[in-house]
Amino acid sequence: MSNRVVCREASHAGSWYSASGSQLNAQLEGWLSQAQSPQGPARAIIAPHAGYTYCGACAAHAYKQVDPSITRRVFILGPSHHIPLSRCALSPAEVYRTPLYDLRIDQKVYADLWKTGMFERMTLQTDEDEHSIEMHLPYTAKAMESHKDNFSIVPVLVGALSESKEQEYGKLLSKYLADPSNLFVISSDFCHWGHRFRYTYYDEAQGEIYRSIENLDKMGMGIIEQLDPMSFSNYLKKYHNTICGRHPIGVLLNAVAELKKTGLDMNFSFLNYAQSSQCRNWQDSSVSYAAGALTVH
């Protein structure tokens, strides 16, 4: 029997972000230096997963809120873009490679999650095809570099969950969210607008199309800040905003709702919002990005 460690390669390095460790490090440092200063250690962040030329600057605002001195485990919840998945899935890998340094998967937490019977195992191919978790690995590595030997990651691929499943996973993960040594990274872009995304909602009262998109996104962001899963579900049903990480966000909101029952006081605030381009006519398209952080008082 082979004792080879199963590694997930940094499959999107060289295309979605730089494959050069030194170049990537310099870019991340540049973006982080421009981000607003920490408002208290984040227990969870929402950040985008597009190519870094599009969203690297926005994501920095969320990662700036991470405190590496208390964080021992980073849960990364990303949506599935390529395979149909009605539950959540765990990786077959033990190590995730990045151009900065390798990240270890927490096998003990993985074993505990596996025991619940609520998770599937994705193939290594599925894992390497998917970008929603990978795009957070270099930023996680950078944010945690001062304690790089003292933390592990818990990647979770989140399927197209029903509301009741979002509640179940939220309940399950709430005990981990309650622990100050855990950080949750919720991977999501916001509105994907244009014919190529089959989504062209436009409220003319807002003026230009990009203003309508911003208004729609900020309405959703305001609802997320209220930390009420039901309100977020209702918003999605009403406007069908193409927020690709809506299920990971739903899981987080349900975990928070579970912890609120125990009297824990939490606050979520968005720190940055950006669009890949400004849509002005029906031929245009854009993707929106938002970065925010959950703090526990």
C-alpha atoms as a PDB file:
ATOM      1  CA  MET A   1       0.000   0.000   0.000  1.00  0.00           C
ATOM      2  CA  SER A   2       1.400   3.380  -0.939  1.00  0.00           C
ATOM      3  CA  ASN A   3       1.908   6.092   1.659  1.00  0.00           C
ATOM      4  CA  ARG A   4       1.955   8.860  -0.924  1.00  0.00           C
ATOM      5  CA  VAL A   5       0.231  12.004   0.258  1.00  0.00           C
ATOM      6  CA  VAL A   6      -2.717  12.957  -1.964  1.00  0.00           C
ATOM      7  CA  CYS A   7      -2.174  16.524  -3.162  1.00  0.00           C
ATOM      8  CA  ARG A   8      -4.541  18.851  -4.929  1.00  0.00           C
ATOM      9  CA  GLU A   9      -2.508  20.855  -7.422  1.00  0.00           C
ATOM     10  CA  ALA A  10      -2.946  24.632  -7.792  1.00  0.00           C
ATOM     11  CA  SER A  11      -4.751  24.012 -11.088  1.00  0.00           C
ATOM     12  CA  HIS A  12      -5.789  27.640 -11.724  1.00  0.00           C
ATOM     13  CA  ALA A  13      -2.329  29.110 -11.027  1.00  0.00           C
ATOM     14  CA  GLY A  14      -0.872  30.656 -14.171  1.00  0.00           C
ATOM     15  CA  SER A  15      -4.322  31.605 -15.490  1.00  0.00           C
ATOM     16  CA  TRP A  16      -6.607  32.917 -12.733  1.00  0.00           C
ATOM     17  CA  TYR A  17      -3.682  34.159 -10.632  1.00  0.00           C
ATOM     18  CA  SER A  18       0.101  34.158 -10.842  1.00  0.00           C
ATOM     19  CA  ALA A  19       1.934  30.829 -10.585  1.00  0.00           C
ATOM     20  CA  SER A  20       5.031  32.671  -9.360  1.00  0.00           C
ATOM     21  CA  GLY A  21       5.167  32.667  -5.554  1.00  0.00           C
ATOM     22  CA  SER A  22       7.149  35.912  -5.382  1.00  0.00           C
ATOM     23  CA  GLN A  23       4.916  37.743  -7.866  1.00  0.00           C
ATOM     24  CA  LEU A  24       1.743  36.465  -6.182  1.00  0.00           C
ATOM     25  CA  ASN A  25       3.086  37.453  -2.759  1.00  0.00           C
ATOM     26  CA  ALA A  26       3.846  40.982  -3.973  1.00  0.00           C
ATOM     27  CA  GLN A  27       0.362  41.351  -5.499  1.00  0.00           C
ATOM     28  CA  LEU A  28      -1.393  40.137  -2.338  1.00  0.00           C
ATOM     29  CA  GLU A  29       0.736  42.439  -0.181  1.00  0.00           C
ATOM     30  CA  GLY A  30      -0.131  45.360  -2.428  1.00  0.00           C
ATOM     31  CA  TRP A  31      -3.871  44.731  -2.223  1.00  0.00           C
ATOM     32  CA  LEU A  32      -3.797  44.102   1.534  1.00  0.00           C
ATOM     33  CA  SER A  33      -1.856  47.325   2.132  1.00  0.00           C
ATOM     34  CA  GLN A  34      -4.648  49.258   0.383  1.00  0.00           C
ATOM     35  CA  ALA A  35      -7.467  47.600   2.392  1.00  0.00           C
ATOM     36  CA  GLN A  36      -9.052  49.250   5.393  1.00  0.00           C
ATOM     37  CA  SER A  37      -7.597  48.341   8.764  1.00  0.00           C
ATOM     38  CA  PRO A  38      -9.064  45.535  10.890  1.00  0.00           C
ATOM     39  CA  GLN A  39     -12.235  46.137  12.908  1.00  0.00           C
ATOM     40  CA  GLY A  40     -11.681  43.213  15.280  1.00  0.00           C
ATOM     41  CA  PRO A  41     -10.856  39.621  14.423  1.00  0.00           C
ATOM     42  CA  ALA A  42     -13.215  38.076  11.882  1.00  0.00           C
ATOM     43  CA  ARG A  43     -14.936  34.795  12.751  1.00  0.00           C
ATOM     44  CA  ALA A  44     -16.181  34.533   9.154  1.00  0.00           C
ATOM     45  CA  ILE A  45     -15.648  36.418   5.922  1.00  0.00           C
ATOM     46  CA  ILE A  46     -17.460  36.573   2.593  1.00  0.00           C
ATOM     47  CA  ALA A  47     -15.111  37.162  -0.339  1.00  0.00           C
ATOM     48  CA  PRO A  48     -15.161  36.684  -4.127  1.00  0.00           C
ATOM     49  CA  HIS A  49     -13.573  33.892  -6.164  1.00  0.00           C
ATOM     50  CA  ALA A  50     -12.900  35.414  -9.590  1.00  0.00           C
ATOM     51  CA  GLY A  51      -9.507  35.910 -11.219  1.00  0.00           C
ATOM     52  CA  TYR A  52      -7.344  38.137  -9.047  1.00  0.00           C
ATOM     53  CA  THR A  53      -7.053  40.863 -11.708  1.00  0.00           C
ATOM     54  CA  TYR A  54     -10.811  41.321 -11.278  1.00  0.00           C
ATOM     55  CA  CYS A  55     -11.371  40.808  -7.553  1.00  0.00           C
ATOM     56  CA  GLY A  56      -7.994  40.660  -5.783  1.00  0.00           C
ATOM     57  CA  ALA A  57      -8.329  44.221  -4.498  1.00  0.00           C
ATOM     58  CA  CYS A  58     -11.877  43.638  -3.232  1.00  0.00           C
ATOM     59  CA  ALA A  59     -11.046  40.338  -1.465  1.00  0.00           C
ATOM     60  CA  ALA A  60      -8.209  42.029   0.446  1.00  0.00           C
ATOM     61  CA  HIS A  61     -10.738  43.985   2.510  1.00  0.00           C
ATOM     62  CA  ALA A  62     -12.090  40.726   3.949  1.00  0.00           C
ATOM     63  CA  TYR A  63      -8.719  39.040   4.482  1.00  0.00           C
ATOM     64  CA  LYS A  64      -7.379  42.129   6.275  1.00  0.00           C
ATOM     65  CA  GLN A  65      -9.857  41.265   9.080  1.00  0.00           C
ATOM     66  CA  VAL A  66      -8.266  37.866   9.771  1.00  0.00           C
ATOM     67  CA  ASP A  67      -6.189  37.471  12.943  1.00  0.00           C
ATOM     68  CA  PRO A  68      -3.575  34.741  12.344  1.00  0.00           C
ATOM     69  CA  SER A  69      -2.543  34.699  16.005  1.00  0.00           C
ATOM     70  CA  ILE A  70      -5.864  33.148  17.112  1.00  0.00           C
ATOM     71  CA  THR A  71      -6.861  31.210  13.969  1.00  0.00           C
ATOM     72  CA  ARG A  72      -6.025  27.497  13.985  1.00  0.00           C
ATOM     73  CA  ARG A  73      -8.484  26.209  11.401  1.00  0.00           C
ATOM     74  CA  VAL A  74      -9.853  27.782   8.237  1.00  0.00           C
ATOM     75  CA  PHE A  75     -13.132  26.351   6.915  1.00  0.00           C
ATOM     76  CA  ILE A  76     -13.588  27.262   3.232  1.00  0.00           C
ATOM     77  CA  LEU A  77     -17.137  26.862   1.880  1.00  0.00           C
ATOM     78  CA  GLY A  78     -17.385  27.209  -1.888  1.00  0.00           C
ATOM     79  CA  PRO A  79     -20.224  26.578  -4.351  1.00  0.00           C
ATOM     80  CA  SER A  80     -20.055  23.827  -6.966  1.00  0.00           C
ATOM     81  CA  HIS A  81     -19.832  25.262 -10.497  1.00  0.00           C
ATOM     82  CA  HIS A  82     -19.320  22.100 -12.545  1.00  0.00           C
ATOM     83  CA  ILE A  83     -20.973  19.081 -10.982  1.00  0.00           C
ATOM     84  CA  PRO A  84     -24.570  18.630  -9.856  1.00  0.00           C
ATOM     85  CA  LEU A  85     -24.476  18.264  -6.084  1.00  0.00           C
ATOM     86  CA  SER A  86     -27.459  18.294  -3.744  1.00  0.00           C
ATOM     87  CA  ARG A  87     -25.428  17.932  -0.551  1.00  0.00           C
ATOM     88  CA  CYS A  88     -21.947  19.008   0.550  1.00  0.00           C
ATOM     89  CA  ALA A  89     -18.740  17.251  -0.425  1.00  0.00           C
ATOM     90  CA  LEU A  90     -15.295  16.782   1.126  1.00  0.00           C
ATOM     91  CA  SER A  91     -11.997  16.568  -0.737  1.00  0.00           C
ATOM     92  CA  PRO A  92     -10.046  13.315  -1.213  1.00  0.00           C
ATOM     93  CA  ALA A  93      -6.799  15.310  -0.844  1.00  0.00           C
ATOM     94  CA  GLU A  94      -4.682  15.741   2.263  1.00  0.00           C
ATOM     95  CA  VAL A  95      -2.713  18.715   1.025  1.00  0.00           C
ATOM     96  CA  TYR A  96      -3.719  21.712  -1.115  1.00  0.00           C
ATOM     97  CA  ARG A  97      -0.819  23.235  -3.016  1.00  0.00           C
ATOM     98  CA  THR A  98      -0.435  26.992  -3.534  1.00  0.00           C
ATOM     99  CA  PRO A  99       2.430  28.948  -5.142  1.00  0.00           C
ATOM    100  CA  LEU A 100       3.167  30.328  -1.638  1.00  0.00           C
ATOM    101  CA  TYR A 101       3.206  27.148   0.470  1.00  0.00           C
ATOM    102  CA  ASP A 102       1.189  23.955   0.924  1.00  0.00           C
ATOM    103  CA  LEU A 103      -1.930  23.906   3.114  1.00  0.00           C
ATOM    104  CA  ARG A 104      -2.855  20.855   5.183  1.00  0.00           C
ATOM    105  CA  ILE A 105      -6.426  19.581   5.427  1.00  0.00           C
ATOM    106  CA  ASP A 106      -7.568  18.951   9.010  1.00  0.00           C
ATOM    107  CA  GLN A 107      -8.102  15.187   8.912  1.00  0.00           C
ATOM    108  CA  LYS A 108      -9.649  15.051  12.379  1.00  0.00           C
ATOM    109  CA  VAL A 109     -12.402  17.537  11.523  1.00  0.00           C
ATOM    110  CA  TYR A 110     -12.838  15.786   8.173  1.00  0.00           C
ATOM    111  CA  ALA A 111     -13.328  12.449   9.982  1.00  0.00           C
ATOM    112  CA  ASP A 112     -15.904  14.034  12.316  1.00  0.00           C
ATOM    113  CA  LEU A 113     -17.815  15.552   9.384  1.00  0.00           C
ATOM    114  CA  TRP A 114     -17.647  12.282   7.417  1.00  0.00           C
ATOM    115  CA  LYS A 115     -19.133  10.393  10.382  1.00  0.00           C
ATOM    116  CA  THR A 116     -22.318  12.466  10.241  1.00  0.00           C
ATOM    117  CA  GLY A 117     -23.284  10.797   6.932  1.00  0.00           C
ATOM    118  CA  MET A 118     -24.158  14.229   5.517  1.00  0.00           C
ATOM    119  CA  PHE A 119     -21.185  14.507   3.161  1.00  0.00           C
ATOM    120  CA  GLU A 120     -20.125  13.038  -0.157  1.00  0.00           C
ATOM    121  CA  ARG A 121     -16.522  12.587  -1.288  1.00  0.00           C
ATOM    122  CA  MET A 122     -15.655  14.494  -4.459  1.00  0.00           C
ATOM    123  CA  THR A 123     -13.066  13.143  -6.885  1.00  0.00           C
ATOM    124  CA  LEU A 124      -9.670  14.805  -7.152  1.00  0.00           C
ATOM    125  CA  GLN A 125     -10.614  15.773 -10.720  1.00  0.00           C
ATOM    126  CA  THR A 126     -13.758  17.583  -9.508  1.00  0.00           C
ATOM    127  CA  ASP A 127     -11.708  19.265  -6.797  1.00  0.00           C
ATOM    128  CA  GLU A 128      -9.060  20.491  -9.247  1.00  0.00           C
ATOM    129  CA  ASP A 129     -11.651  21.643 -11.817  1.00  0.00           C
ATOM    130  CA  GLU A 130     -13.466  23.777  -9.239  1.00  0.00           C
ATOM    131  CA  HIS A 131     -12.155  27.304  -8.607  1.00  0.00           C
ATOM    132  CA  SER A 132     -14.470  28.492  -5.810  1.00  0.00           C
ATOM    133  CA  ILE A 133     -12.292  27.074  -3.013  1.00  0.00           C
ATOM    134  CA  GLU A 134      -8.917  27.365  -4.757  1.00  0.00           C
ATOM    135  CA  MET A 135      -9.204  31.128  -5.243  1.00  0.00           C
ATOM    136  CA  HIS A 136      -9.189  31.509  -1.456  1.00  0.00           C
ATOM    137  CA  LEU A 137      -6.077  29.414  -0.867  1.00  0.00           C
ATOM    138  CA  PRO A 138      -3.385  31.995  -1.761  1.00  0.00           C
ATOM    139  CA  TYR A 139      -5.181  34.663   0.297  1.00  0.00           C
ATOM    140  CA  THR A 140      -5.571  32.239   3.224  1.00  0.00           C
ATOM    141  CA  ALA A 141      -1.879  31.330   2.971  1.00  0.00           C
ATOM    142  CA  LYS A 142      -0.921  35.020   2.872  1.00  0.00           C
ATOM    143  CA  ALA A 143      -3.191  36.047   5.768  1.00  0.00           C
ATOM    144  CA  MET A 144      -1.875  33.148   7.880  1.00  0.00           C
ATOM    145  CA  GLU A 145       1.802  33.249   6.872  1.00  0.00           C
ATOM    146  CA  SER A 146       3.047  34.368  10.316  1.00  0.00           C
ATOM    147  CA  HIS A 147       1.561  31.150  11.763  1.00  0.00           C
ATOM    148  CA  LYS A 148       1.877  28.922   8.753  1.00  0.00           C
ATOM    149  CA  ASP A 149       2.841  25.773  10.670  1.00  0.00           C
ATOM    150  CA  ASN A 150       0.043  26.162  13.216  1.00  0.00           C
ATOM    151  CA  PHE A 151      -3.143  25.934  11.187  1.00  0.00           C
ATOM    152  CA  SER A 152      -5.058  23.593   8.900  1.00  0.00           C
ATOM    153  CA  ILE A 153      -7.889  24.020   6.405  1.00  0.00           C
ATOM    154  CA  VAL A 154     -11.331  22.413   6.067  1.00  0.00           C
ATOM    155  CA  PRO A 155     -12.519  22.740   2.456  1.00  0.00           C
ATOM    156  CA  VAL A 156     -16.228  22.025   1.872  1.00  0.00           C
ATOM    157  CA  LEU A 157     -17.845  22.028  -1.577  1.00  0.00           C
ATOM    158  CA  VAL A 158     -21.444  23.196  -1.134  1.00  0.00           C
ATOM    159  CA  GLY A 159     -24.138  21.878  -3.463  1.00  0.00           C
ATOM    160  CA  ALA A 160     -27.478  23.367  -4.534  1.00  0.00           C
ATOM    161  CA  LEU A 161     -28.998  22.932  -1.084  1.00  0.00           C
ATOM    162  CA  SER A 162     -32.682  23.237  -0.229  1.00  0.00           C
ATOM    163  CA  GLU A 163     -33.562  25.691   2.542  1.00  0.00           C
ATOM    164  CA  SER A 164     -33.985  22.833   4.999  1.00  0.00           C
ATOM    165  CA  LYS A 165     -30.567  21.423   4.062  1.00  0.00           C
ATOM    166  CA  GLU A 166     -28.962  24.858   4.515  1.00  0.00           C
ATOM    167  CA  GLN A 167     -30.479  24.803   7.999  1.00  0.00           C
ATOM    168  CA  GLU A 168     -29.131  21.306   8.737  1.00  0.00           C
ATOM    169  CA  TYR A 169     -25.592  22.145   7.609  1.00  0.00           C
ATOM    170  CA  GLY A 170     -25.771  25.478   9.450  1.00  0.00           C
ATOM    171  CA  LYS A 171     -26.723  23.658  12.634  1.00  0.00           C
ATOM    172  CA  LEU A 172     -23.937  21.110  12.169  1.00  0.00           C
ATOM    173  CA  LEU A 173     -21.264  23.729  11.507  1.00  0.00           C
ATOM    174  CA  SER A 174     -22.448  26.153  14.207  1.00  0.00           C
ATOM    175  CA  LYS A 175     -20.390  24.388  16.894  1.00  0.00           C
ATOM    176  CA  TYR A 176     -17.262  25.077  14.821  1.00  0.00           C
ATOM    177  CA  LEU A 177     -18.302  28.688  14.220  1.00  0.00           C
ATOM    178  CA  ALA A 178     -18.686  29.098  17.992  1.00  0.00           C
ATOM    179  CA  ASP A 179     -14.961  28.379  18.459  1.00  0.00           C
ATOM    180  CA  PRO A 180     -12.804  31.556  18.237  1.00  0.00           C
ATOM    181  CA  SER A 181      -9.900  29.517  16.835  1.00  0.00           C
ATOM    182  CA  ASN A 182     -11.933  28.759  13.685  1.00  0.00           C
ATOM    183  CA  LEU A 183     -12.342  31.081  10.710  1.00  0.00           C
ATOM    184  CA  PHE A 184     -15.029  30.538   8.069  1.00  0.00           C
ATOM    185  CA  VAL A 185     -14.343  31.727   4.528  1.00  0.00           C
ATOM    186  CA  ILE A 186     -17.532  31.935   2.450  1.00  0.00           C
ATOM    187  CA  SER A 187     -16.761  31.995  -1.251  1.00  0.00           C
ATOM    188  CA  SER A 188     -19.160  34.005  -3.388  1.00  0.00           C
ATOM    189  CA  ASP A 189     -19.350  36.526  -6.173  1.00  0.00           C
ATOM    190  CA  PHE A 190     -22.449  38.702  -6.429  1.00  0.00           C
ATOM    191  CA  CYS A 191     -24.573  39.620  -9.459  1.00  0.00           C
ATOM    192  CA  HIS A 192     -23.634  38.007 -12.788  1.00  0.00           C
ATOM    193  CA  TRP A 193     -25.394  40.346 -15.217  1.00  0.00           C
ATOM    194  CA  GLY A 194     -25.870  40.083 -18.963  1.00  0.00           C
ATOM    195  CA  HIS A 195     -27.227  37.789 -21.670  1.00  0.00           C
ATOM    196  CA  ARG A 196     -24.311  35.378 -21.263  1.00  0.00           C
ATOM    197  CA  PHE A 197     -25.450  34.805 -17.660  1.00  0.00           C
ATOM    198  CA  ARG A 198     -29.128  34.751 -18.694  1.00  0.00           C
ATOM    199  CA  TYR A 199     -29.834  37.483 -16.146  1.00  0.00           C
ATOM    200  CA  THR A 200     -30.788  41.003 -17.180  1.00  0.00           C
ATOM    201  CA  TYR A 201     -32.852  42.440 -14.330  1.00  0.00           C
ATOM    202  CA  TYR A 202     -32.983  46.217 -14.711  1.00  0.00           C
ATOM    203  CA  ASP A 203     -34.699  48.818 -12.556  1.00  0.00           C
ATOM    204  CA  GLU A 204     -34.767  51.935 -14.754  1.00  0.00           C
ATOM    205  CA  ALA A 205     -35.451  54.148 -11.751  1.00  0.00           C
ATOM    206  CA  GLN A 206     -31.797  53.592 -10.737  1.00  0.00           C
ATOM    207  CA  GLY A 207     -30.411  55.192 -13.917  1.00  0.00           C
ATOM    208  CA  GLU A 208     -27.623  53.352 -15.760  1.00  0.00           C
ATOM    209  CA  ILE A 209     -27.710  49.530 -15.750  1.00  0.00           C
ATOM    210  CA  TYR A 210     -24.635  49.279 -13.495  1.00  0.00           C
ATOM    211  CA  ARG A 211     -26.385  51.451 -10.904  1.00  0.00           C
ATOM    212  CA  SER A 212     -29.392  49.131 -10.965  1.00  0.00           C
ATOM    213  CA  ILE A 213     -27.033  46.162 -10.441  1.00  0.00           C
ATOM    214  CA  GLU A 214     -25.319  47.922  -7.538  1.00  0.00           C
ATOM    215  CA  ASN A 215     -28.659  48.759  -5.949  1.00  0.00           C
ATOM    216  CA  LEU A 216     -29.799  45.141  -6.263  1.00  0.00           C
ATOM    217  CA  ASP A 217     -26.522  43.783  -4.825  1.00  0.00           C
ATOM    218  CA  LYS A 218     -26.501  46.277  -1.957  1.00  0.00           C
ATOM    219  CA  MET A 219     -30.080  45.358  -1.089  1.00  0.00           C
ATOM    220  CA  GLY A 220     -28.887  41.742  -0.768  1.00  0.00           C
ATOM    221  CA  MET A 221     -25.797  42.777   1.185  1.00  0.00           C
ATOM    222  CA  GLY A 222     -27.977  44.747   3.594  1.00  0.00           C
ATOM    223  CA  ILE A 223     -30.141  41.668   4.126  1.00  0.00           C
ATOM    224  CA  ILE A 224     -27.073  39.481   4.754  1.00  0.00           C
ATOM    225  CA  GLU A 225     -25.940  42.058   7.350  1.00  0.00           C
ATOM    226  CA  GLN A 226     -29.233  41.476   9.181  1.00  0.00           C
ATOM    227  CA  LEU A 227     -28.104  37.839   9.615  1.00  0.00           C
ATOM    228  CA  ASP A 228     -31.579  36.448   8.943  1.00  0.00           C
ATOM    229  CA  PRO A 229     -31.581  33.383   6.651  1.00  0.00           C
ATOM    230  CA  MET A 230     -35.296  33.692   5.861  1.00  0.00           C
ATOM    231  CA  SER A 231     -35.001  37.279   4.627  1.00  0.00           C
ATOM    232  CA  PHE A 232     -32.089  36.290   2.384  1.00  0.00           C
ATOM    233  CA  SER A 233     -34.099  33.370   0.924  1.00  0.00           C
ATOM    234  CA  ASN A 234     -37.041  35.687   0.254  1.00  0.00           C
ATOM    235  CA  TYR A 235     -34.783  38.240  -1.450  1.00  0.00           C
ATOM    236  CA  LEU A 236     -33.382  35.516  -3.756  1.00  0.00           C
ATOM    237  CA  LYS A 237     -36.882  34.263  -4.586  1.00  0.00           C
ATOM    238  CA  LYS A 238     -38.070  37.763  -5.398  1.00  0.00           C
ATOM    239  CA  TYR A 239     -35.151  39.048  -7.507  1.00  0.00           C
ATOM    240  CA  HIS A 240     -33.325  35.819  -8.508  1.00  0.00           C
ATOM    241  CA  ASN A 241     -30.039  37.686  -8.122  1.00  0.00           C
ATOM    242  CA  THR A 242     -27.260  35.486  -9.541  1.00  0.00           C
ATOM    243  CA  ILE A 243     -25.202  35.299  -6.339  1.00  0.00           C
ATOM    244  CA  CYS A 244     -23.236  32.108  -7.036  1.00  0.00           C
ATOM    245  CA  GLY A 245     -22.343  31.473  -3.385  1.00  0.00           C
ATOM    246  CA  ARG A 246     -25.924  31.838  -2.156  1.00  0.00           C
ATOM    247  CA  HIS A 247     -25.865  28.333  -0.627  1.00  0.00           C
ATOM    248  CA  PRO A 248     -22.590  28.794   1.310  1.00  0.00           C
ATOM    249  CA  ILE A 249     -23.979  32.171   2.473  1.00  0.00           C
ATOM    250  CA  GLY A 250     -27.239  30.425   3.457  1.00  0.00           C
ATOM    251  CA  VAL A 251     -25.284  27.860   5.502  1.00  0.00           C
ATOM    252  CA  LEU A 252     -23.385  30.642   7.294  1.00  0.00           C
ATOM    253  CA  LEU A 253     -26.589  32.579   8.056  1.00  0.00           C
ATOM    254  CA  ASN A 254     -28.186  29.430   9.479  1.00  0.00           C
ATOM    255  CA  ALA A 255     -25.109  28.683  11.617  1.00  0.00           C
ATOM    256  CA  VAL A 256     -25.259  32.249  12.949  1.00  0.00           C
ATOM    257  CA  ALA A 257     -29.003  31.918  13.663  1.00  0.00           C
ATOM    258  CA  GLU A 258     -28.262  28.741  15.641  1.00  0.00           C
ATOM    259  CA  LEU A 259     -25.595  30.501  17.738  1.00  0.00           C
ATOM    260  CA  LYS A 260     -27.811  33.523  18.326  1.00  0.00           C
ATOM    261  CA  LYS A 261     -30.167  31.201  20.222  1.00  0.00           C
ATOM    262  CA  THR A 262     -27.343  30.712  22.741  1.00  0.00           C
ATOM    263  CA  GLY A 263     -27.120  34.487  23.239  1.00  0.00           C
ATOM    264  CA  LEU A 264     -23.955  35.047  21.215  1.00  0.00           C
ATOM    265  CA  ASP A 265     -23.844  38.613  19.883  1.00  0.00           C
ATOM    266  CA  MET A 266     -22.618  38.830  16.290  1.00  0.00           C
ATOM    267  CA  ASN A 267     -22.287  41.518  13.711  1.00  0.00           C
ATOM    268  CA  PHE A 268     -21.709  41.306   9.965  1.00  0.00           C
ATOM    269  CA  SER A 269     -20.590  44.212   7.851  1.00  0.00           C
ATOM    270  CA  PHE A 270     -19.574  44.550   4.232  1.00  0.00           C
ATOM    271  CA  LEU A 271     -16.372  46.528   3.693  1.00  0.00           C
ATOM    272  CA  ASN A 272     -16.030  46.732  -0.080  1.00  0.00           C
ATOM    273  CA  TYR A 273     -18.035  46.382  -3.268  1.00  0.00           C
ATOM    274  CA  ALA A 274     -16.800  46.301  -6.867  1.00  0.00           C
ATOM    275  CA  GLN A 275     -17.913  45.405 -10.395  1.00  0.00           C
ATOM    276  CA  SER A 276     -15.760  43.859 -13.133  1.00  0.00           C
ATOM    277  CA  SER A 277     -17.020  46.573 -15.500  1.00  0.00           C
ATOM    278  CA  GLN A 278     -19.839  49.117 -15.690  1.00  0.00           C
ATOM    279  CA  CYS A 279     -22.783  47.890 -17.762  1.00  0.00           C
ATOM    280  CA  ARG A 280     -24.473  50.606 -19.799  1.00  0.00           C
ATOM    281  CA  ASN A 281     -26.234  48.668 -22.548  1.00  0.00           C
ATOM    282  CA  TRP A 282     -27.803  45.277 -23.184  1.00  0.00           C
ATOM    283  CA  GLN A 283     -24.701  43.884 -24.901  1.00  0.00           C
ATOM    284  CA  ASP A 284     -22.586  44.462 -21.788  1.00  0.00           C
ATOM    285  CA  SER A 285     -21.965  41.989 -18.984  1.00  0.00           C
ATOM    286  CA  SER A 286     -20.378  42.172 -15.547  1.00  0.00           C
ATOM    287  CA  VAL A 287     -19.764  40.301 -12.330  1.00  0.00           C
ATOM    288  CA  SER A 288     -20.004  41.990  -8.935  1.00  0.00           C
ATOM    289  CA  TYR A 289     -17.787  41.335  -5.922  1.00  0.00           C
ATOM    290  CA  ALA A 290     -18.304  42.060  -2.229  1.00  0.00           C
ATOM    291  CA  ALA A 291     -16.090  41.559   0.812  1.00  0.00           C
ATOM    292  CA  GLY A 292     -17.358  41.494   4.374  1.00  0.00           C
ATOM    293  CA  ALA A 293     -16.662  40.132   7.826  1.00  0.00           C
ATOM    294  CA  LEU A 294     -18.528  38.612  10.754  1.00  0.00           C
ATOM    295  CA  THR A 295     -17.318  39.553  14.213  1.00  0.00           C
ATOM    296  CA  VAL A 296     -18.403  38.089  17.534  1.00  0.00           C
ATOM    297  CA  HIS A 297     -18.666  40.354  20.557  1.00  0.00           C
END
